[in-house]
Amino acid sequence: MTAYLLDVHHAIALWRNHPALVARVAASTASGEAVLHLCLPVIGQMWNRIFNTPNPAENEKTLREFIARFPLVEFDAAAAVEFGVVKTAMQKIRRPLPDVEAQVAAIARTRDIVVLSAEQHFSALPKLRVENWLGT
């Protein structure tokens, strides 16, 4: 079984029932091939997007229900150290990485979890496995 960590784009697409992603997730999780996780930095981004909509109250309940479907992976002390490594490595190659994406990468690298992301900047990080299930 492979563990996956949703980035914000995959999480929001899944929450909004992106047909291809929903089908892929359903097939992968039903077969026991995959377990999808969320992390608090991604959840924070999702809440930020909700609170920036004209009617956040309409989406709060469905977002809470969505979040409850997934095991959470914490940003712990090991991930904090790895965050520093990731940020520094990306700065050295002049490809700065936003803090939340660096946190996602750090969490994934410390736990050997595959990140589900369409973000190209993750490709510059060694020891980070990334897959794009959005097909974009």
Protein backbone atom coordinates (compact mmCIF):
# COMPACT_ATOMS: atom_id res chain seq x y z
CA MET A 1 0.00 0.00 0.00
CA THR A 2 1.26 3.45 -0.90
CA ALA A 3 0.71 6.53 1.25
CA TYR A 4 -0.12 9.77 -0.55
CA LEU A 5 -0.23 13.35 0.70
CA LEU A 6 -2.65 15.69 -1.06
CA ASP A 7 -1.39 19.14 -1.97
CA VAL A 8 -3.94 21.96 -1.91
CA HIS A 9 -4.79 21.69 -5.62
CA HIS A 10 -5.50 17.96 -5.43
CA ALA A 11 -7.38 18.38 -2.14
CA ILE A 12 -9.63 21.11 -3.49
CA ALA A 13 -10.21 19.24 -6.75
CA LEU A 14 -11.21 16.15 -4.80
CA TRP A 15 -13.42 18.18 -2.46
CA ARG A 16 -15.13 19.71 -5.50
CA ASN A 17 -15.60 16.26 -7.04
CA HIS A 18 -13.24 16.53 -10.02
CA PRO A 19 -14.54 13.49 -11.98
CA ALA A 20 -11.22 11.99 -13.12
CA LEU A 21 -9.61 12.49 -9.72
CA VAL A 22 -12.60 11.08 -7.83
CA ALA A 23 -12.53 7.99 -10.07
CA ARG A 24 -8.78 7.48 -9.62
CA VAL A 25 -8.99 7.91 -5.85
CA ALA A 26 -11.96 5.56 -5.59
CA ALA A 27 -10.20 2.86 -7.62
CA SER A 28 -6.91 3.20 -5.73
CA THR A 29 -8.38 3.27 -2.24
CA ALA A 30 -10.99 0.55 -2.85
CA SER A 31 -8.28 -1.84 -4.01
CA GLY A 32 -6.21 -1.07 -0.93
CA GLU A 33 -3.44 0.20 -3.18
CA ALA A 34 -3.47 3.72 -1.71
CA VAL A 35 -4.16 5.69 1.45
CA LEU A 36 -4.60 9.42 1.04
CA HIS A 37 -3.60 11.86 3.77
CA LEU A 38 -4.01 15.54 4.47
CA CYS A 39 -1.64 17.74 6.45
CA LEU A 40 -2.38 20.83 8.47
CA PRO A 41 -0.55 23.26 6.13
CA VAL A 42 -2.82 22.14 3.26
CA ILE A 43 -5.91 22.32 5.46
CA GLY A 44 -4.91 25.86 6.40
CA GLN A 45 -4.71 26.78 2.72
CA MET A 46 -8.14 25.28 2.14
CA TRP A 47 -9.62 27.31 5.00
CA ASN A 48 -7.97 30.44 3.62
CA ARG A 49 -9.68 29.86 0.29
CA ILE A 50 -13.03 29.26 2.00
CA PHE A 51 -12.82 32.45 4.05
CA ASN A 52 -11.95 34.43 0.90
CA THR A 53 -15.24 33.47 -0.77
CA PRO A 54 -18.34 35.66 -0.62
CA ASN A 55 -20.24 33.08 1.49
CA PRO A 56 -17.81 31.03 3.59
CA ALA A 57 -20.55 29.64 5.83
CA GLU A 58 -22.00 27.67 2.92
CA ASN A 59 -18.76 25.75 2.45
CA GLU A 60 -17.64 25.28 6.06
CA LYS A 61 -19.76 22.21 6.74
CA THR A 62 -18.75 20.38 3.57
CA LEU A 63 -15.09 21.23 4.13
CA ARG A 64 -15.20 19.89 7.69
CA GLU A 65 -16.81 16.68 6.42
CA PHE A 66 -14.19 16.38 3.68
CA ILE A 67 -11.28 16.85 6.09
CA ALA A 68 -12.72 14.23 8.46
CA ARG A 69 -12.44 11.58 5.71
CA PHE A 70 -8.63 11.58 5.75
CA PRO A 71 -5.92 10.72 8.26
CA LEU A 72 -3.88 13.78 9.16
CA VAL A 73 -0.11 13.92 8.99
CA GLU A 74 1.43 16.37 11.43
CA PHE A 75 4.15 18.90 10.77
CA ASP A 76 6.39 17.62 13.57
CA ALA A 77 9.94 18.32 14.76
CA ALA A 78 11.53 16.11 12.07
CA ALA A 79 9.50 17.88 9.39
CA ALA A 80 10.56 21.26 10.81
CA VAL A 81 14.22 20.34 10.35
CA GLU A 82 13.52 19.02 6.86
CA PHE A 83 11.65 22.25 6.07
CA GLY A 84 14.88 24.15 6.66
CA VAL A 85 16.77 21.72 4.42
CA VAL A 86 14.16 22.02 1.64
CA LYS A 87 13.93 25.83 1.75
CA THR A 88 17.73 26.20 1.72
CA ALA A 89 18.18 23.74 -1.14
CA MET A 90 15.61 25.53 -3.27
CA GLN A 91 17.07 28.96 -2.48
CA LYS A 92 20.53 27.77 -3.51
CA ILE A 93 19.27 26.80 -6.95
CA ARG A 94 17.31 30.06 -7.20
CA ARG A 95 13.92 28.34 -7.18
CA PRO A 96 12.32 29.66 -4.01
CA LEU A 97 9.50 27.53 -2.70
CA PRO A 98 6.49 28.97 -0.85
CA ASP A 99 6.46 28.00 2.82
CA VAL A 100 3.37 25.79 2.64
CA GLU A 101 4.76 23.81 -0.30
CA ALA A 102 8.07 23.46 1.54
CA GLN A 103 6.16 22.15 4.58
CA VAL A 104 4.31 19.63 2.41
CA ALA A 105 7.59 18.49 0.87
CA ALA A 106 9.23 18.23 4.30
CA ILE A 107 6.36 16.17 5.71
CA ALA A 108 6.45 13.85 2.70
CA ARG A 109 10.23 13.42 2.72
CA THR A 110 10.42 12.62 6.42
CA ARG A 111 7.70 9.98 6.11
CA ASP A 112 8.45 8.67 2.61
CA ILE A 113 4.97 9.67 1.39
CA VAL A 114 4.19 10.43 -2.26
CA VAL A 115 2.91 13.97 -2.83
CA LEU A 116 -0.06 14.34 -5.15
CA SER A 117 0.64 17.63 -6.89
CA ALA A 118 0.57 19.32 -10.26
CA GLU A 119 3.17 21.86 -9.09
CA GLN A 120 6.30 21.83 -11.23
CA HIS A 121 8.59 23.21 -8.52
CA PHE A 122 8.46 19.91 -6.63
CA SER A 123 10.35 18.25 -9.48
CA ALA A 124 13.54 20.06 -8.42
CA LEU A 125 13.56 18.37 -5.01
CA PRO A 126 15.55 15.16 -4.71
CA LYS A 127 14.15 12.42 -2.49
CA LEU A 128 10.59 13.61 -3.08
CA ARG A 129 8.18 11.37 -4.92
CA VAL A 130 5.46 13.29 -6.74
CA GLU A 131 2.53 12.16 -8.86
CA ASN A 132 -0.10 14.22 -10.62
CA TRP A 133 -3.53 12.59 -10.64
CA LEU A 134 -5.25 15.63 -12.11
CA GLY A 135 -3.92 14.86 -15.56
CA THR A 136 -3.06 18.48 -16.28
